[in-house]
C-alpha atoms as a PDB file:
ATOM      1  CA  UNK A   1      11.795  13.440 -17.663  1.00  0.00           C
ATOM      2  CA  UNK A   2       9.522  13.572 -14.590  1.00  0.00           C
ATOM      3  CA  UNK A   3      10.329  16.057 -11.867  1.00  0.00           C
ATOM      4  CA  UNK A   4      11.505  14.276  -8.703  1.00  0.00           C
ATOM      5  CA  UNK A   5       9.525  16.675  -6.496  1.00  0.00           C
ATOM      6  CA  UNK A   6       6.294  15.982  -8.396  1.00  0.00           C
ATOM      7  CA  UNK A   7       6.871  12.228  -8.079  1.00  0.00           C
ATOM      8  CA  UNK A   8       7.454  12.563  -4.338  1.00  0.00           C
ATOM      9  CA  UNK A   9       4.249  14.632  -4.108  1.00  0.00           C
ATOM     10  CA  UNK A  10       2.389  11.900  -6.054  1.00  0.00           C
ATOM     11  CA  UNK A  11       3.524   9.180  -3.639  1.00  0.00           C
ATOM     12  CA  UNK A  12       2.723  11.348  -0.612  1.00  0.00           C
ATOM     13  CA  UNK A  13      -0.753  12.045  -2.043  1.00  0.00           C
ATOM     14  CA  UNK A  14      -1.252   8.282  -2.473  1.00  0.00           C
ATOM     15  CA  UNK A  15      -0.438   7.680   1.198  1.00  0.00           C
ATOM     16  CA  UNK A  16      -2.488  10.672   2.357  1.00  0.00           C
ATOM     17  CA  UNK A  17      -5.472   9.128   0.546  1.00  0.00           C
ATOM     18  CA  UNK A  18      -4.668   5.751   2.150  1.00  0.00           C
ATOM     19  CA  UNK A  19      -4.547   7.289   5.624  1.00  0.00           C
ATOM     20  CA  UNK A  20      -7.848   9.086   4.952  1.00  0.00           C
ATOM     21  CA  UNK A  21      -9.492   5.795   3.934  1.00  0.00           C
ATOM     22  CA  UNK A  22     -10.028   7.244   0.445  1.00  0.00           C
ATOM     23  CA  UNK A  23      -9.582   4.280  -1.914  1.00  0.00           C
ATOM     24  CA  UNK A  24     -11.029   6.242  -4.844  1.00  0.00           C
ATOM     25  CA  UNK A  25      -8.506   8.995  -4.183  1.00  0.00           C
ATOM     26  CA  UNK A  26      -5.736   6.399  -4.373  1.00  0.00           C
ATOM     27  CA  UNK A  27      -7.143   5.003  -7.619  1.00  0.00           C
ATOM     28  CA  UNK A  28      -7.264   8.480  -9.172  1.00  0.00           C
ATOM     29  CA  UNK A  29      -3.464   8.593  -8.902  1.00  0.00           C
ATOM     30  CA  UNK A  30      -2.957   5.346 -10.855  1.00  0.00           C
ATOM     31  CA  UNK A  31      -2.729   4.385 -14.505  1.00  0.00           C
ATOM     32  CA  UNK A  32      -5.633   2.328 -15.860  1.00  0.00           C
ATOM     33  CA  UNK A  33      -3.290  -0.663 -16.234  1.00  0.00           C
ATOM     34  CA  UNK A  34      -1.642  -0.318 -12.810  1.00  0.00           C
ATOM     35  CA  UNK A  35       0.271  -3.415 -11.713  1.00  0.00           C
ATOM     36  CA  UNK A  36      -0.137  -4.315  -8.044  1.00  0.00           C
ATOM     37  CA  UNK A  37       2.277  -6.830  -6.558  1.00  0.00           C
ATOM     38  CA  UNK A  38       0.680  -8.093  -3.358  1.00  0.00           C
ATOM     39  CA  UNK A  39       3.027  -8.983  -0.498  1.00  0.00           C
ATOM     40  CA  UNK A  40       3.913 -12.685  -0.862  1.00  0.00           C
ATOM     41  CA  UNK A  41       1.162 -13.005  -3.475  1.00  0.00           C
ATOM     42  CA  UNK A  42       0.249 -12.597  -7.098  1.00  0.00           C
ATOM     43  CA  UNK A  43       0.370  -9.572  -9.391  1.00  0.00           C
ATOM     44  CA  UNK A  44      -3.016  -8.030 -10.098  1.00  0.00           C
ATOM     45  CA  UNK A  45      -3.501  -5.608 -12.967  1.00  0.00           C
ATOM     46  CA  UNK A  46      -5.872  -2.699 -13.490  1.00  0.00           C
ATOM     47  CA  UNK A  47      -7.944  -0.337 -11.406  1.00  0.00           C
ATOM     48  CA  UNK A  48     -10.909  -2.732 -10.954  1.00  0.00           C
ATOM     49  CA  UNK A  49      -8.581  -5.340  -9.405  1.00  0.00           C
ATOM     50  CA  UNK A  50      -7.001  -2.736  -7.106  1.00  0.00           C
ATOM     51  CA  UNK A  51     -10.445  -1.449  -6.076  1.00  0.00           C
ATOM     52  CA  UNK A  52     -11.509  -5.011  -5.178  1.00  0.00           C
ATOM     53  CA  UNK A  53      -8.258  -5.544  -3.238  1.00  0.00           C
ATOM     54  CA  UNK A  54      -8.841  -2.363  -1.225  1.00  0.00           C
ATOM     55  CA  UNK A  55     -12.407  -3.490  -0.496  1.00  0.00           C
ATOM     56  CA  UNK A  56     -11.105  -6.778   0.894  1.00  0.00           C
ATOM     57  CA  UNK A  57      -8.413  -5.039   2.924  1.00  0.00           C
ATOM     58  CA  UNK A  58     -10.807  -2.480   4.398  1.00  0.00           C
ATOM     59  CA  UNK A  59     -13.182  -5.265   5.459  1.00  0.00           C
ATOM     60  CA  UNK A  60     -10.432  -6.972   7.472  1.00  0.00           C
ATOM     61  CA  UNK A  61      -8.024  -4.246   8.586  1.00  0.00           C
ATOM     62  CA  UNK A  62      -8.019  -0.632   9.764  1.00  0.00           C
ATOM     63  CA  UNK A  63      -4.567   0.799   9.133  1.00  0.00           C
ATOM     64  CA  UNK A  64      -2.801   4.143   9.340  1.00  0.00           C
ATOM     65  CA  UNK A  65       0.753   4.706   8.153  1.00  0.00           C
ATOM     66  CA  UNK A  66       3.297   6.695  10.166  1.00  0.00           C
ATOM     67  CA  UNK A  67       6.894   7.816   9.620  1.00  0.00           C
ATOM     68  CA  UNK A  68       6.565   7.770   5.815  1.00  0.00           C
ATOM     69  CA  UNK A  69       9.863   8.315   4.009  1.00  0.00           C
ATOM     70  CA  UNK A  70       9.727   8.646   0.204  1.00  0.00           C
ATOM     71  CA  UNK A  71      12.730   8.198  -2.073  1.00  0.00           C
ATOM     72  CA  UNK A  72      12.676   8.980  -5.810  1.00  0.00           C
ATOM     73  CA  UNK A  73      15.098   7.832  -8.506  1.00  0.00           C
ATOM     74  CA  UNK A  74      17.108  10.488 -10.274  1.00  0.00           C
ATOM     75  CA  UNK A  75      15.079  10.085 -13.478  1.00  0.00           C
ATOM     76  CA  UNK A  76      11.759  10.192 -11.606  1.00  0.00           C
ATOM     77  CA  UNK A  77      10.433   6.924 -13.027  1.00  0.00           C
ATOM     78  CA  UNK A  78      10.785   4.908  -9.828  1.00  0.00           C
ATOM     79  CA  UNK A  79      10.129   5.615  -6.176  1.00  0.00           C
ATOM     80  CA  UNK A  80      10.057   3.788  -2.899  1.00  0.00           C
ATOM     81  CA  UNK A  81       8.581   4.407   0.504  1.00  0.00           C
ATOM     82  CA  UNK A  82       9.299   3.089   3.964  1.00  0.00           C
ATOM     83  CA  UNK A  83       6.763   3.472   6.747  1.00  0.00           C
ATOM     84  CA  UNK A  84       5.302   1.974   9.896  1.00  0.00           C
ATOM     85  CA  UNK A  85       1.823   0.438   9.756  1.00  0.00           C
ATOM     86  CA  UNK A  86      -0.343   0.913  12.853  1.00  0.00           C
ATOM     87  CA  UNK A  87      -3.318  -1.380  12.453  1.00  0.00           C
ATOM     88  CA  UNK A  88      -6.261  -3.189  13.923  1.00  0.00           C
ATOM     89  CA  UNK A  89      -7.284  -6.644  12.710  1.00  0.00           C
ATOM     90  CA  UNK A  90     -11.064  -6.261  12.338  1.00  0.00           C
ATOM     91  CA  UNK A  91     -12.321  -9.493  10.758  1.00  0.00           C
ATOM     92  CA  UNK A  92     -10.678 -12.840  10.087  1.00  0.00           C
ATOM     93  CA  UNK A  93      -8.950 -12.937   6.704  1.00  0.00           C
ATOM     94  CA  UNK A  94      -8.982 -16.313   4.943  1.00  0.00           C
ATOM     95  CA  UNK A  95      -5.998 -18.484   5.850  1.00  0.00           C
ATOM     96  CA  UNK A  96      -4.859 -16.182   8.661  1.00  0.00           C
ATOM     97  CA  UNK A  97      -5.328 -16.213  12.447  1.00  0.00           C
ATOM     98  CA  UNK A  98      -8.713 -15.372  13.943  1.00  0.00           C
ATOM     99  CA  UNK A  99      -9.408 -11.654  14.266  1.00  0.00           C
ATOM    100  CA  UNK A 100     -10.320 -10.385  17.724  1.00  0.00           C
ATOM    101  CA  UNK A 101      -9.579  -6.690  17.300  1.00  0.00           C
ATOM    102  CA  UNK A 102      -5.834  -7.209  17.800  1.00  0.00           C
ATOM    103  CA  UNK A 103      -3.576  -4.230  17.167  1.00  0.00           C
ATOM    104  CA  UNK A 104      -0.188  -4.367  15.481  1.00  0.00           C
ATOM    105  CA  UNK A 105       2.722  -2.146  14.520  1.00  0.00           C
ATOM    106  CA  UNK A 106       4.632  -3.341  11.490  1.00  0.00           C
ATOM    107  CA  UNK A 107       7.487  -1.889   9.434  1.00  0.00           C
ATOM    108  CA  UNK A 108       6.729  -2.013   5.723  1.00  0.00           C
ATOM    109  CA  UNK A 109       7.805  -0.665   2.381  1.00  0.00           C
ATOM    110  CA  UNK A 110       6.683  -0.221  -1.185  1.00  0.00           C
ATOM    111  CA  UNK A 111       8.212   0.258  -4.604  1.00  0.00           C
ATOM    112  CA  UNK A 112       6.592   2.289  -7.357  1.00  0.00           C
ATOM    113  CA  UNK A 113       6.902   2.773 -11.070  1.00  0.00           C
ATOM    114  CA  UNK A 114       5.655   6.136 -12.317  1.00  0.00           C
ATOM    115  CA  UNK A 115       4.472   6.799 -15.854  1.00  0.00           C
ATOM    116  CA  UNK A 116       3.021  10.042 -17.209  1.00  0.00           C
ATOM    117  CA  UNK A 117       2.513  11.461 -13.732  1.00  0.00           C
ATOM    118  CA  UNK A 118       0.631   8.451 -12.368  1.00  0.00           C
ATOM    119  CA  UNK A 119       1.474   5.315 -10.420  1.00  0.00           C
ATOM    120  CA  UNK A 120       1.897   2.443 -12.904  1.00  0.00           C
ATOM    121  CA  UNK A 121       3.108  -0.190 -10.411  1.00  0.00           C
ATOM    122  CA  UNK A 122       3.048  -0.613  -6.660  1.00  0.00           C
ATOM    123  CA  UNK A 123       4.836  -3.500  -4.938  1.00  0.00           C
ATOM    124  CA  UNK A 124       4.269  -3.865  -1.185  1.00  0.00           C
ATOM    125  CA  UNK A 125       6.498  -5.664   1.310  1.00  0.00           C
ATOM    126  CA  UNK A 126       6.165  -6.470   4.993  1.00  0.00           C
ATOM    127  CA  UNK A 127       7.103  -9.361   7.251  1.00  0.00           C
ATOM    128  CA  UNK A 128       4.010 -11.607   7.379  1.00  0.00           C
ATOM    129  CA  UNK A 129       5.535 -13.809  10.118  1.00  0.00           C
ATOM    130  CA  UNK A 130       6.006 -10.710  12.310  1.00  0.00           C
ATOM    131  CA  UNK A 131       2.368  -9.706  11.726  1.00  0.00           C
ATOM    132  CA  UNK A 132       1.123 -13.234  12.560  1.00  0.00           C
ATOM    133  CA  UNK A 133       3.195 -13.237  15.761  1.00  0.00           C
ATOM    134  CA  UNK A 134       1.718  -9.888  16.764  1.00  0.00           C
ATOM    135  CA  UNK A 135      -1.912 -10.935  16.245  1.00  0.00           C
ATOM    136  CA  UNK A 136      -1.366 -14.179  18.134  1.00  0.00           C
ATOM    137  CA  UNK A 137      -1.242 -16.725  15.342  1.00  0.00           C
END
């Protein structure tokens, strides 16, 4: 059974890599078949798909996460995190309002499945309508 402290450290390392803009560091913490459930979108599977997603995100948004709280299930196979996204909308993302360098602060959360010491699933949630209102859509 996974150690809850090591799972919390794994999730914190994932977010430290995110905040450092280190997509490859994030990927190194994932299983090869990682499942990524995009907020209000489809599930993508595998590291190449996650790498492409991060490339798209980094082209449109600059984000840093604050107030990260990590919770781990008793058996260490699941975790969740709650945090506040502080971001800048850099370039217009398809189907969304025009980007003009708007800033936003957005509460968000994620759910994780952990397998063999790596992240096997990440599911992200945030309020898209709140984000659109903040960037002037």
